[in-house]
Structures are given as C-alpha cells and as structure tokens.
PDB file of N, CA and C in Angstrom:
ATOM      1  N   MET A   1       5.701   9.836  -8.827  1.00  0.00           N
ATOM      2  CA  MET A   1       5.033   8.933  -7.928  1.00  0.00           C
ATOM      3  C   MET A   1       5.930   8.747  -6.707  1.00  0.00           C
ATOM      4  N   ASP A   2       5.471   9.213  -5.575  1.00  0.00           N
ATOM      5  CA  ASP A   2       6.212   9.125  -4.326  1.00  0.00           C
ATOM      6  C   ASP A   2       5.506   8.126  -3.415  1.00  0.00           C
ATOM      7  N   ILE A   3       6.094   6.923  -3.239  1.00  0.00           N
ATOM      8  CA  ILE A   3       5.517   5.884  -2.400  1.00  0.00           C
ATOM      9  C   ILE A   3       6.290   5.840  -1.094  1.00  0.00           C
ATOM     10  N   GLN A   4       5.558   5.964   0.026  1.00  0.00           N
ATOM     11  CA  GLN A   4       6.186   5.958   1.342  1.00  0.00           C
ATOM     12  C   GLN A   4       5.441   5.020   2.277  1.00  0.00           C
ATOM     13  N   ILE A   5       6.189   4.447   3.240  1.00  0.00           N
ATOM     14  CA  ILE A   5       5.605   3.618   4.287  1.00  0.00           C
ATOM     15  C   ILE A   5       5.940   4.267   5.619  1.00  0.00           C
ATOM     16  N   HIS A   6       4.893   4.594   6.386  1.00  0.00           N
ATOM     17  CA  HIS A   6       5.051   5.252   7.679  1.00  0.00           C
ATOM     18  C   HIS A   6       4.532   4.339   8.782  1.00  0.00           C
ATOM     19  N   SER A   7       5.103   4.465   9.954  1.00  0.00           N
ATOM     20  CA  SER A   7       4.620   3.773  11.137  1.00  0.00           C
ATOM     21  C   SER A   7       3.769   4.753  11.934  1.00  0.00           C
ATOM     22  N   VAL A   8       2.535   4.340  12.258  1.00  0.00           N
ATOM     23  CA  VAL A   8       1.587   5.222  12.940  1.00  0.00           C
ATOM     24  C   VAL A   8       1.077   4.525  14.191  1.00  0.00           C
ATOM     25  N   LYS A   9       1.061   5.238  15.307  1.00  0.00           N
ATOM     26  CA  LYS A   9       0.543   4.701  16.560  1.00  0.00           C
ATOM     27  C   LYS A   9      -0.959   4.903  16.601  1.00  0.00           C
ATOM     28  N   GLN A  10      -1.705   3.827  16.794  1.00  0.00           N
ATOM     29  CA  GLN A  10      -3.149   3.938  16.924  1.00  0.00           C
ATOM     30  C   GLN A  10      -3.507   4.324  18.356  1.00  0.00           C
ATOM     31  N   TYR A  11      -4.648   4.926  18.529  1.00  0.00           N
ATOM     32  CA  TYR A  11      -5.105   5.319  19.853  1.00  0.00           C
ATOM     33  C   TYR A  11      -5.357   4.069  20.686  1.00  0.00           C
ATOM     34  N   ASN A  12      -4.683   3.948  21.816  1.00  0.00           N
ATOM     35  CA  ASN A  12      -4.788   2.782  22.712  1.00  0.00           C
ATOM     36  C   ASN A  12      -4.577   1.461  21.981  1.00  0.00           C
ATOM     37  N   GLY A  13      -3.677   1.461  21.020  1.00  0.00           N
ATOM     38  CA  GLY A  13      -3.434   0.237  20.276  1.00  0.00           C
ATOM     39  C   GLY A  13      -2.003   0.162  19.786  1.00  0.00           C
ATOM     40  N   PRO A  14      -1.713  -0.875  19.033  1.00  0.00           N
ATOM     41  CA  PRO A  14      -0.349  -1.064  18.534  1.00  0.00           C
ATOM     42  C   PRO A  14      -0.030  -0.139  17.361  1.00  0.00           C
ATOM     43  N   LYS A  15       1.221  -0.159  16.975  1.00  0.00           N
ATOM     44  CA  LYS A  15       1.625   0.612  15.802  1.00  0.00           C
ATOM     45  C   LYS A  15       1.201  -0.121  14.537  1.00  0.00           C
ATOM     46  N   ARG A  16       0.792   0.624  13.539  1.00  0.00           N
ATOM     47  CA  ARG A  16       0.429   0.085  12.232  1.00  0.00           C
ATOM     48  C   ARG A  16       1.277   0.783  11.184  1.00  0.00           C
ATOM     49  N   LYS A  17       1.449   0.139  10.066  1.00  0.00           N
ATOM     50  CA  LYS A  17       2.177   0.736   8.951  1.00  0.00           C
ATOM     51  C   LYS A  17       1.166   1.222   7.918  1.00  0.00           C
ATOM     52  N   VAL A  18       1.432   2.400   7.344  1.00  0.00           N
ATOM     53  CA  VAL A  18       0.541   3.007   6.371  1.00  0.00           C
ATOM     54  C   VAL A  18       1.305   3.210   5.066  1.00  0.00           C
ATOM     55  N   LEU A  19       0.732   2.746   3.961  1.00  0.00           N
ATOM     56  CA  LEU A  19       1.301   2.953   2.634  1.00  0.00           C
ATOM     57  C   LEU A  19       0.626   4.170   2.028  1.00  0.00           C
ATOM     58  N   SER A  20       1.427   5.154   1.631  1.00  0.00           N
ATOM     59  CA  SER A  20       0.861   6.355   1.019  1.00  0.00           C
ATOM     60  C   SER A  20       1.524   6.606  -0.327  1.00  0.00           C
ATOM     61  N   VAL A  21       0.709   7.056  -1.277  1.00  0.00           N
ATOM     62  CA  VAL A  21       1.187   7.400  -2.610  1.00  0.00           C
ATOM     63  C   VAL A  21       0.905   8.878  -2.819  1.00  0.00           C
ATOM     64  N   ASP A  22       1.959   9.650  -3.024  1.00  0.00           N
ATOM     65  CA  ASP A  22       1.859  11.107  -3.185  1.00  0.00           C
ATOM     66  C   ASP A  22       1.131  11.759  -2.013  1.00  0.00           C
ATOM     67  N   GLY A  23       1.360  11.238  -0.805  1.00  0.00           N
ATOM     68  CA  GLY A  23       0.767  11.815   0.390  1.00  0.00           C
ATOM     69  C   GLY A  23      -0.636  11.339   0.706  1.00  0.00           C
ATOM     70  N   ILE A  24      -1.225  10.476  -0.126  1.00  0.00           N
ATOM     71  CA  ILE A  24      -2.575   9.966   0.089  1.00  0.00           C
ATOM     72  C   ILE A  24      -2.471   8.548   0.646  1.00  0.00           C
ATOM     73  N   PRO A  25      -3.032   8.274   1.831  1.00  0.00           N
ATOM     74  CA  PRO A  25      -2.942   6.923   2.394  1.00  0.00           C
ATOM     75  C   PRO A  25      -3.732   5.923   1.557  1.00  0.00           C
ATOM     76  N   ILE A  26      -3.105   4.787   1.268  1.00  0.00           N
ATOM     77  CA  ILE A  26      -3.708   3.777   0.407  1.00  0.00           C
ATOM     78  C   ILE A  26      -4.083   2.531   1.196  1.00  0.00           C
ATOM     79  N   ALA A  27      -3.178   2.043   2.053  1.00  0.00           N
ATOM     80  CA  ALA A  27      -3.427   0.798   2.778  1.00  0.00           C
ATOM     81  C   ALA A  27      -2.799   0.863   4.159  1.00  0.00           C
ATOM     82  N   ILE A  28      -3.398   0.108   5.096  1.00  0.00           N
ATOM     83  CA  ILE A  28      -2.892  -0.013   6.452  1.00  0.00           C
ATOM     84  C   ILE A  28      -2.679  -1.497   6.734  1.00  0.00           C
ATOM     85  N   ALA A  29      -1.548  -1.841   7.326  1.00  0.00           N
ATOM     86  CA  ALA A  29      -1.267  -3.238   7.661  1.00  0.00           C
ATOM     87  C   ALA A  29      -0.384  -3.310   8.895  1.00  0.00           C
ATOM     88  N   ARG A  30      -0.313  -4.495   9.483  1.00  0.00           N
ATOM     89  CA  ARG A  30       0.559  -4.689  10.633  1.00  0.00           C
ATOM     90  C   ARG A  30       2.002  -4.879  10.193  1.00  0.00           C
ATOM     91  N   SER A  31       2.187  -5.639   9.112  1.00  0.00           N
ATOM     92  CA  SER A  31       3.558  -5.968   8.724  1.00  0.00           C
ATOM     93  C   SER A  31       4.054  -5.065   7.600  1.00  0.00           C
ATOM     94  N   ARG A  32       5.285  -4.687   7.701  1.00  0.00           N
ATOM     95  CA  ARG A  32       5.923  -3.876   6.672  1.00  0.00           C
ATOM     96  C   ARG A  32       6.125  -4.689   5.393  1.00  0.00           C
ATOM     97  N   ASN A  33       6.333  -5.996   5.541  1.00  0.00           N
ATOM     98  CA  ASN A  33       6.548  -6.865   4.395  1.00  0.00           C
ATOM     99  C   ASN A  33       5.336  -6.866   3.459  1.00  0.00           C
ATOM    100  N   ARG A  34       4.141  -6.888   4.021  1.00  0.00           N
ATOM    101  CA  ARG A  34       2.918  -6.864   3.208  1.00  0.00           C
ATOM    102  C   ARG A  34       2.818  -5.559   2.423  1.00  0.00           C
ATOM    103  N   LEU A  35       3.127  -4.441   3.076  1.00  0.00           N
ATOM    104  CA  LEU A  35       3.058  -3.150   2.394  1.00  0.00           C
ATOM    105  C   LEU A  35       4.154  -3.012   1.343  1.00  0.00           C
ATOM    106  N   GLU A  36       5.310  -3.620   1.572  1.00  0.00           N
ATOM    107  CA  GLU A  36       6.359  -3.590   0.562  1.00  0.00           C
ATOM    108  C   GLU A  36       5.933  -4.352  -0.682  1.00  0.00           C
ATOM    109  N   GLY A  37       5.147  -5.414  -0.511  1.00  0.00           N
ATOM    110  CA  GLY A  37       4.588  -6.135  -1.655  1.00  0.00           C
ATOM    111  C   GLY A  37       3.615  -5.262  -2.433  1.00  0.00           C
ATOM    112  N   PHE A  38       2.767  -4.525  -1.727  1.00  0.00           N
ATOM    113  CA  PHE A  38       1.838  -3.600  -2.384  1.00  0.00           C
ATOM    114  C   PHE A  38       2.605  -2.519  -3.145  1.00  0.00           C
ATOM    115  N   SER A  39       3.659  -2.008  -2.528  1.00  0.00           N
ATOM    116  CA  SER A  39       4.482  -0.978  -3.149  1.00  0.00           C
ATOM    117  C   SER A  39       5.135  -1.504  -4.425  1.00  0.00           C
ATOM    118  N   ALA A  40       5.663  -2.717  -4.366  1.00  0.00           N
ATOM    119  CA  ALA A  40       6.281  -3.325  -5.550  1.00  0.00           C
ATOM    120  C   ALA A  40       5.243  -3.536  -6.649  1.00  0.00           C
ATOM    121  N   TYR A  41       4.026  -3.924  -6.279  1.00  0.00           N
ATOM    122  CA  TYR A  41       2.957  -4.123  -7.262  1.00  0.00           C
ATOM    123  C   TYR A  41       2.615  -2.803  -7.963  1.00  0.00           C
ATOM    124  N   LEU A  42       2.572  -1.719  -7.194  1.00  0.00           N
ATOM    125  CA  LEU A  42       2.281  -0.413  -7.785  1.00  0.00           C
ATOM    126  C   LEU A  42       3.394   0.045  -8.723  1.00  0.00           C
ATOM    127  N   GLN A  43       4.621  -0.405  -8.483  1.00  0.00           N
ATOM    128  CA  GLN A  43       5.742  -0.026  -9.329  1.00  0.00           C
ATOM    129  C   GLN A  43       5.851  -0.896 -10.573  1.00  0.00           C
ATOM    130  N   GLY A  44       4.994  -1.919 -10.683  1.00  0.00           N
ATOM    131  CA  GLY A  44       4.962  -2.719 -11.897  1.00  0.00           C
ATOM    132  C   GLY A  44       5.561  -4.106 -11.782  1.00  0.00           C
ATOM    133  N   TYR A  45       6.020  -4.493 -10.617  1.00  0.00           N
ATOM    134  CA  TYR A  45       6.581  -5.827 -10.428  1.00  0.00           C
ATOM    135  C   TYR A  45       5.464  -6.851 -10.255  1.00  0.00           C
ATOM    136  N   HIS A  46       5.754  -8.112 -10.596  1.00  0.00           N
ATOM    137  CA  HIS A  46       4.771  -9.178 -10.435  1.00  0.00           C
ATOM    138  C   HIS A  46       4.824  -9.685  -8.998  1.00  0.00           C
ATOM    139  N   VAL A  47       3.774  -9.394  -8.245  1.00  0.00           N
ATOM    140  CA  VAL A  47       3.678  -9.797  -6.846  1.00  0.00           C
ATOM    141  C   VAL A  47       2.326 -10.477  -6.658  1.00  0.00           C
ATOM    142  N   GLU A  48       2.325 -11.593  -5.956  1.00  0.00           N
ATOM    143  CA  GLU A  48       1.077 -12.307  -5.686  1.00  0.00           C
ATOM    144  C   GLU A  48       0.340 -11.619  -4.543  1.00  0.00           C
ATOM    145  N   ILE A  49      -0.869 -11.122  -4.828  1.00  0.00           N
ATOM    146  CA  ILE A  49      -1.712 -10.487  -3.813  1.00  0.00           C
ATOM    147  C   ILE A  49      -2.966 -11.336  -3.686  1.00  0.00           C
ATOM    148  N   SER A  50      -3.177 -11.919  -2.514  1.00  0.00           N
ATOM    149  CA  SER A  50      -4.275 -12.868  -2.327  1.00  0.00           C
ATOM    150  C   SER A  50      -5.619 -12.183  -2.103  1.00  0.00           C
ATOM    151  N   ASP A  51      -5.614 -10.977  -1.579  1.00  0.00           N
ATOM    152  CA  ASP A  51      -6.854 -10.260  -1.294  1.00  0.00           C
ATOM    153  C   ASP A  51      -7.338  -9.554  -2.565  1.00  0.00           C
ATOM    154  N   LYS A  52      -8.454 -10.027  -3.109  1.00  0.00           N
ATOM    155  CA  LYS A  52      -8.964  -9.507  -4.391  1.00  0.00           C
ATOM    156  C   LYS A  52      -9.439  -8.056  -4.272  1.00  0.00           C
ATOM    157  N   LYS A  53      -9.982  -7.687  -3.127  1.00  0.00           N
ATOM    158  CA  LYS A  53     -10.477  -6.319  -2.943  1.00  0.00           C
ATOM    159  C   LYS A  53      -9.318  -5.319  -2.962  1.00  0.00           C
ATOM    160  N   ILE A  54      -8.233  -5.663  -2.288  1.00  0.00           N
ATOM    161  CA  ILE A  54      -7.058  -4.790  -2.285  1.00  0.00           C
ATOM    162  C   ILE A  54      -6.426  -4.754  -3.665  1.00  0.00           C
ATOM    163  N   LYS A  55      -6.372  -5.911  -4.329  1.00  0.00           N
ATOM    164  CA  LYS A  55      -5.780  -5.959  -5.663  1.00  0.00           C
ATOM    165  C   LYS A  55      -6.563  -5.087  -6.648  1.00  0.00           C
ATOM    166  N   LYS A  56      -7.882  -5.094  -6.529  1.00  0.00           N
ATOM    167  CA  LYS A  56      -8.724  -4.277  -7.402  1.00  0.00           C
ATOM    168  C   LYS A  56      -8.446  -2.790  -7.186  1.00  0.00           C
ATOM    169  N   SER A  57      -8.330  -2.368  -5.922  1.00  0.00           N
ATOM    170  CA  SER A  57      -8.058  -0.952  -5.651  1.00  0.00           C
ATOM    171  C   SER A  57      -6.637  -0.577  -6.074  1.00  0.00           C
ATOM    172  N   LEU A  58      -5.668  -1.491  -5.910  1.00  0.00           N
ATOM    173  CA  LEU A  58      -4.300  -1.217  -6.362  1.00  0.00           C
ATOM    174  C   LEU A  58      -4.232  -1.128  -7.882  1.00  0.00           C
ATOM    175  N   ASP A  59      -5.022  -1.955  -8.578  1.00  0.00           N
ATOM    176  CA  ASP A  59      -5.077  -1.868 -10.042  1.00  0.00           C
ATOM    177  C   ASP A  59      -5.607  -0.512 -10.494  1.00  0.00           C
ATOM    178  N   GLN A  60      -6.618  -0.020  -9.792  1.00  0.00           N
ATOM    179  CA  GLN A  60      -7.187   1.288 -10.121  1.00  0.00           C
ATOM    180  C   GLN A  60      -6.152   2.391  -9.914  1.00  0.00           C
ATOM    181  N   ILE A  61      -5.432   2.350  -8.820  1.00  0.00           N
ATOM    182  CA  ILE A  61      -4.389   3.349  -8.541  1.00  0.00           C
ATOM    183  C   ILE A  61      -3.271   3.247  -9.569  1.00  0.00           C
ATOM    184  N   ARG A  62      -2.922   2.008  -9.936  1.00  0.00           N
ATOM    185  CA  ARG A  62      -1.877   1.782 -10.922  1.00  0.00           C
ATOM    186  C   ARG A  62      -2.245   2.392 -12.274  1.00  0.00           C
ATOM    187  N   ARG A  63      -3.518   2.236 -12.665  1.00  0.00           N
ATOM    188  CA  ARG A  63      -3.989   2.832 -13.935  1.00  0.00           C
ATOM    189  C   ARG A  63      -3.959   4.353 -13.879  1.00  0.00           C
ATOM    190  N   GLU A  64      -4.360   4.921 -12.739  1.00  0.00           N
ATOM    191  CA  GLU A  64      -4.348   6.379 -12.600  1.00  0.00           C
ATOM    192  C   GLU A  64      -2.932   6.939 -12.660  1.00  0.00           C
ATOM    193  N   LEU A  65      -1.980   6.211 -12.080  1.00  0.00           N
ATOM    194  CA  LEU A  65      -0.594   6.669 -12.098  1.00  0.00           C
ATOM    195  C   LEU A  65       0.026   6.552 -13.493  1.00  0.00           C
ATOM    196  N   ALA A  66      -0.466   5.599 -14.279  1.00  0.00           N
ATOM    197  CA  ALA A  66       0.057   5.416 -15.630  1.00  0.00           C
ATOM    198  C   ALA A  66      -0.380   6.560 -16.551  1.00  0.00           C
ATOM    199  N   ASN A  67      -1.519   7.167 -16.270  1.00  0.00           N
ATOM    200  CA  ASN A  67      -2.023   8.257 -17.134  1.00  0.00           C
ATOM    201  C   ASN A  67      -1.392   9.561 -16.831  1.00  0.00           C
TER     202      ASN A  67
END
C-alpha cells in the first residue's frame, strides 16, 4: 500500500492536495492536514472524520486493502 500526497495546480485556480493510494487518486482537499488524517485512517489509526460520505468511501478502500 503506497499512500502519497501530491500538490496539484488547478487550471486558473489555487493549488490543491491530492491523496493517492497505489497511484489512484482518492481525495482532493485544500489543506494537507485534512489529507494526513485520511491517510492515517487508511493505515488503521483512530481519526475523527466528520464527513460521512468520505468516511464511507475510505472504509471501502480500507476493506479492499485488507484483502
């Protein structure tokens, strides 16, 4: 499992951070701190994630990585 955070320049917009797992983009956010929380959650740490939709998709990815 290779988790990386990249900074990407949007067209005519600010830079955004992208969380990718094994080269597949998973989430986009403005702050690196938010993506580091997602990364820690995928690695099995207890992190409070307030957005239920993102948490549901991270749970699905977490289950796939466990298999």
